[in-house]
Amino acid sequence: MTPEEILARLDAPLSLRKRIGYLILALAGLTDSALISLLWATEPGLPPRTKVACGTSSSRHCWALCSQWAYWPP
């Protein structure tokens, strides 16, 4: 595969099915990240391992940003 072919694939529009899938991924990622962040902010006595687990919510936020990038390309 040449670089031109890869760029051509990236410029191709997404199908409706993929757009809906990315939208659902974005909403699920943002909702999950918001709920875990809310738990982390409102529970001061959480054990350290739980705080680390809540810290992984950033990965969910990254999935939401990834789907936003795919859904609304620059």
Protein backbone atom coordinates (compact mmCIF):
# COMPACT_ATOMS: atom_id res chain seq x y z
CA MET A 1 0.00 0.00 0.00
CA THR A 2 1.43 3.35 -0.99
CA PRO A 3 1.15 6.54 1.06
CA GLU A 4 -1.19 7.97 -1.58
CA GLU A 5 -3.58 5.03 -1.16
CA ILE A 6 -3.59 5.47 2.61
CA LEU A 7 -4.33 9.19 2.29
CA ALA A 8 -7.11 8.45 -0.20
CA ARG A 9 -8.70 6.04 2.29
CA LEU A 10 -8.48 8.62 5.07
CA ASP A 11 -10.23 11.21 2.89
CA ALA A 12 -13.10 8.86 2.03
CA PRO A 13 -16.40 9.67 3.76
CA LEU A 14 -17.70 7.33 6.46
CA SER A 15 -20.80 5.24 5.93
CA LEU A 16 -23.88 5.95 8.02
CA ARG A 17 -23.31 2.75 9.99
CA LYS A 18 -19.77 3.77 10.95
CA ARG A 19 -20.85 7.31 11.79
CA ILE A 20 -23.52 6.00 14.16
CA GLY A 21 -21.03 3.57 15.69
CA TYR A 22 -18.51 6.33 16.33
CA LEU A 23 -21.23 8.54 17.78
CA ILE A 24 -22.27 5.78 20.19
CA LEU A 25 -18.62 5.24 21.10
CA ALA A 26 -18.19 8.95 21.80
CA LEU A 27 -21.29 9.14 23.98
CA ALA A 28 -20.40 5.99 25.91
CA GLY A 29 -16.82 7.13 26.48
CA LEU A 30 -17.82 10.59 27.65
CA THR A 31 -20.58 9.25 29.91
CA ASP A 32 -18.30 6.65 31.47
CA SER A 33 -15.52 9.16 31.96
CA ALA A 34 -17.89 11.68 33.54
CA LEU A 35 -19.40 9.16 35.95
CA ILE A 36 -16.02 7.83 37.08
CA SER A 37 -14.65 11.36 37.49
CA LEU A 38 -17.71 12.28 39.54
CA LEU A 39 -17.15 9.27 41.79
CA TRP A 40 -13.50 10.17 42.18
CA ALA A 41 -14.31 13.79 43.06
CA THR A 42 -17.08 13.06 45.56
CA GLU A 43 -15.54 10.14 47.49
CA PRO A 44 -12.55 11.40 49.50
CA GLY A 45 -11.93 8.09 51.31
CA LEU A 46 -11.34 5.89 48.29
CA PRO A 47 -8.44 3.42 48.59
CA PRO A 48 -5.41 4.09 46.36
CA ARG A 49 -6.13 1.13 44.05
CA THR A 50 -9.59 2.54 43.39
CA LYS A 51 -8.13 5.94 42.59
CA VAL A 52 -5.77 4.28 40.12
CA ALA A 53 -8.71 2.46 38.55
CA CYS A 54 -10.58 5.74 38.29
CA GLY A 55 -7.50 7.26 36.69
CA THR A 56 -7.93 4.89 33.79
CA SER A 57 -11.01 6.86 32.86
CA SER A 58 -8.66 9.00 30.83
CA SER A 59 -8.38 6.10 28.40
CA ARG A 60 -12.14 6.15 28.00
CA HIS A 61 -11.95 9.87 27.34
CA CYS A 62 -9.34 9.17 24.68
CA TRP A 63 -11.74 6.75 22.98
CA ALA A 64 -14.38 9.46 22.99
CA LEU A 65 -11.94 11.92 21.43
CA CYS A 66 -10.90 9.33 18.86
CA SER A 67 -14.47 8.75 17.82
CA GLN A 68 -15.03 12.51 17.65
CA TRP A 69 -12.03 12.79 15.35
CA ALA A 70 -13.43 10.03 13.13
CA TYR A 71 -16.94 11.45 13.18
CA TRP A 72 -15.98 15.07 12.55
CA PRO A 73 -12.69 15.07 10.64
CA PRO A 74 -10.72 18.35 10.52
